[in-house]
Amino acid sequence: MSSMGPEHLARIFYDAFARRDAASMNALYSDQATFSDPIFPKLNAQETQAMWAMVCQSAKNFSLSYEIKEIGSDFVVIGWTAKY
């Protein structure tokens, strides 16, 4: 999947997130990926994948909307809102 551009990869990821499809989301992560936010600080790739699995499995009445804000040659800025 690395040959896909960043916008395409972002759409695959967030469309999977909207479907609560953690397996598809996690397939996009490299073994060296990290994730950090105020609730889940300093996660490695395996911990990040577990987090997405937990979020996708436990969210009830879930909906997600996202908007691509900026596209660069090797990055995408996304604004997203999850409701559950």
C-alpha atoms as a PDB file:
ATOM      1  CA  MET A   1       0.000   0.000   0.000  1.00  0.00           C
ATOM      2  CA  SER A   2       2.959   2.328   0.330  1.00  0.00           C
ATOM      3  CA  SER A   3       2.786   3.144  -3.396  1.00  0.00           C
ATOM      4  CA  MET A   4      -0.543   4.895  -2.821  1.00  0.00           C
ATOM      5  CA  GLY A   5      -0.511   8.635  -2.289  1.00  0.00           C
ATOM      6  CA  PRO A   6      -1.176  10.137   1.123  1.00  0.00           C
ATOM      7  CA  GLU A   7      -4.676  11.358   0.237  1.00  0.00           C
ATOM      8  CA  HIS A   8      -5.723   7.885  -0.931  1.00  0.00           C
ATOM      9  CA  LEU A   9      -4.278   6.262   2.188  1.00  0.00           C
ATOM     10  CA  ALA A  10      -6.029   8.801   4.416  1.00  0.00           C
ATOM     11  CA  ARG A  11      -9.355   8.090   2.740  1.00  0.00           C
ATOM     12  CA  ILE A  12      -8.875   4.329   3.146  1.00  0.00           C
ATOM     13  CA  PHE A  13      -8.041   4.805   6.832  1.00  0.00           C
ATOM     14  CA  TYR A  14     -10.911   7.157   7.690  1.00  0.00           C
ATOM     15  CA  ASP A  15     -13.465   5.248   5.602  1.00  0.00           C
ATOM     16  CA  ALA A  16     -12.440   2.118   7.550  1.00  0.00           C
ATOM     17  CA  PHE A  17     -12.704   4.075  10.807  1.00  0.00           C
ATOM     18  CA  ALA A  18     -16.229   5.177   9.852  1.00  0.00           C
ATOM     19  CA  ARG A  19     -17.105   1.480   9.361  1.00  0.00           C
ATOM     20  CA  ARG A  20     -15.373   0.592  12.665  1.00  0.00           C
ATOM     21  CA  ASP A  21     -13.058  -1.701  10.682  1.00  0.00           C
ATOM     22  CA  ALA A  22      -9.954  -1.814  12.884  1.00  0.00           C
ATOM     23  CA  ALA A  23      -8.340  -4.579  10.807  1.00  0.00           C
ATOM     24  CA  SER A  24      -8.288  -2.365   7.705  1.00  0.00           C
ATOM     25  CA  MET A  25      -7.078   0.621   9.715  1.00  0.00           C
ATOM     26  CA  ASN A  26      -4.313  -1.390  11.345  1.00  0.00           C
ATOM     27  CA  ALA A  27      -3.146  -2.849   8.029  1.00  0.00           C
ATOM     28  CA  LEU A  28      -1.962   0.655   7.124  1.00  0.00           C
ATOM     29  CA  TYR A  29       0.425   0.982  10.101  1.00  0.00           C
ATOM     30  CA  SER A  30       4.114   0.180   9.812  1.00  0.00           C
ATOM     31  CA  ASP A  31       5.834  -1.821  12.549  1.00  0.00           C
ATOM     32  CA  GLN A  32       7.622   1.400  13.578  1.00  0.00           C
ATOM     33  CA  ALA A  33       4.483   3.540  13.875  1.00  0.00           C
ATOM     34  CA  THR A  34       3.766   5.523  17.018  1.00  0.00           C
ATOM     35  CA  PHE A  35       0.656   7.272  18.291  1.00  0.00           C
ATOM     36  CA  SER A  36       0.115   9.772  21.051  1.00  0.00           C
ATOM     37  CA  ASP A  37      -2.763  11.870  22.313  1.00  0.00           C
ATOM     38  CA  PRO A  38      -3.869  13.012  25.775  1.00  0.00           C
ATOM     39  CA  ILE A  39      -5.768   9.771  26.485  1.00  0.00           C
ATOM     40  CA  PHE A  40      -3.362   7.324  24.824  1.00  0.00           C
ATOM     41  CA  PRO A  41       0.152   8.763  25.222  1.00  0.00           C
ATOM     42  CA  LYS A  42       3.275   7.300  23.613  1.00  0.00           C
ATOM     43  CA  LEU A  43       1.910   4.109  22.054  1.00  0.00           C
ATOM     44  CA  ASN A  44       4.028   1.874  19.846  1.00  0.00           C
ATOM     45  CA  ALA A  45       2.577   0.214  16.726  1.00  0.00           C
ATOM     46  CA  GLN A  46       1.223  -2.850  18.542  1.00  0.00           C
ATOM     47  CA  GLU A  47      -0.359  -0.710  21.272  1.00  0.00           C
ATOM     48  CA  THR A  48      -1.852   1.600  18.639  1.00  0.00           C
ATOM     49  CA  GLN A  49      -3.413  -1.329  16.814  1.00  0.00           C
ATOM     50  CA  ALA A  50      -4.875  -2.609  20.085  1.00  0.00           C
ATOM     51  CA  MET A  51      -6.275   0.862  20.787  1.00  0.00           C
ATOM     52  CA  TRP A  52      -8.063   1.024  17.415  1.00  0.00           C
ATOM     53  CA  ALA A  53      -9.446  -2.483  17.907  1.00  0.00           C
ATOM     54  CA  MET A  54     -10.799  -1.496  21.329  1.00  0.00           C
ATOM     55  CA  VAL A  55     -12.277   1.780  20.065  1.00  0.00           C
ATOM     56  CA  CYS A  56     -13.937   0.114  17.078  1.00  0.00           C
ATOM     57  CA  GLN A  57     -15.310  -2.799  19.113  1.00  0.00           C
ATOM     58  CA  SER A  58     -16.642  -0.780  22.038  1.00  0.00           C
ATOM     59  CA  ALA A  59     -18.108   2.335  20.357  1.00  0.00           C
ATOM     60  CA  LYS A  60     -21.902   2.341  20.351  1.00  0.00           C
ATOM     61  CA  ASN A  61     -24.073   4.569  18.139  1.00  0.00           C
ATOM     62  CA  PHE A  62     -20.870   5.530  16.350  1.00  0.00           C
ATOM     63  CA  SER A  63     -20.562   7.986  13.496  1.00  0.00           C
ATOM     64  CA  LEU A  64     -17.505   9.622  12.010  1.00  0.00           C
ATOM     65  CA  SER A  65     -17.092  12.545   9.678  1.00  0.00           C
ATOM     66  CA  TYR A  66     -13.809  13.770   8.256  1.00  0.00           C
ATOM     67  CA  GLU A  67     -12.514  16.444   5.957  1.00  0.00           C
ATOM     68  CA  ILE A  68      -9.191  16.650   4.179  1.00  0.00           C
ATOM     69  CA  LYS A  69      -7.783  20.046   5.122  1.00  0.00           C
ATOM     70  CA  GLU A  70      -4.382  19.972   3.403  1.00  0.00           C
ATOM     71  CA  ILE A  71      -2.492  17.623   1.101  1.00  0.00           C
ATOM     72  CA  GLY A  72       1.267  17.595   0.709  1.00  0.00           C
ATOM     73  CA  SER A  73       3.604  15.294  -1.168  1.00  0.00           C
ATOM     74  CA  ASP A  74       4.054  13.062   1.885  1.00  0.00           C
ATOM     75  CA  PHE A  75       1.353  14.138   4.347  1.00  0.00           C
ATOM     76  CA  VAL A  76      -2.342  14.876   4.752  1.00  0.00           C
ATOM     77  CA  VAL A  77      -4.000  17.037   7.399  1.00  0.00           C
ATOM     78  CA  ILE A  78      -7.405  15.686   8.412  1.00  0.00           C
ATOM     79  CA  GLY A  79     -10.107  17.243  10.532  1.00  0.00           C
ATOM     80  CA  TRP A  80     -12.333  14.557  11.991  1.00  0.00           C
ATOM     81  CA  THR A  81     -15.173  14.195  14.485  1.00  0.00           C
ATOM     82  CA  ALA A  82     -16.287  10.939  16.047  1.00  0.00           C
ATOM     83  CA  LYS A  83     -19.603  10.710  17.868  1.00  0.00           C
ATOM     84  CA  TYR A  84     -20.565   7.822  20.120  1.00  0.00           C
END
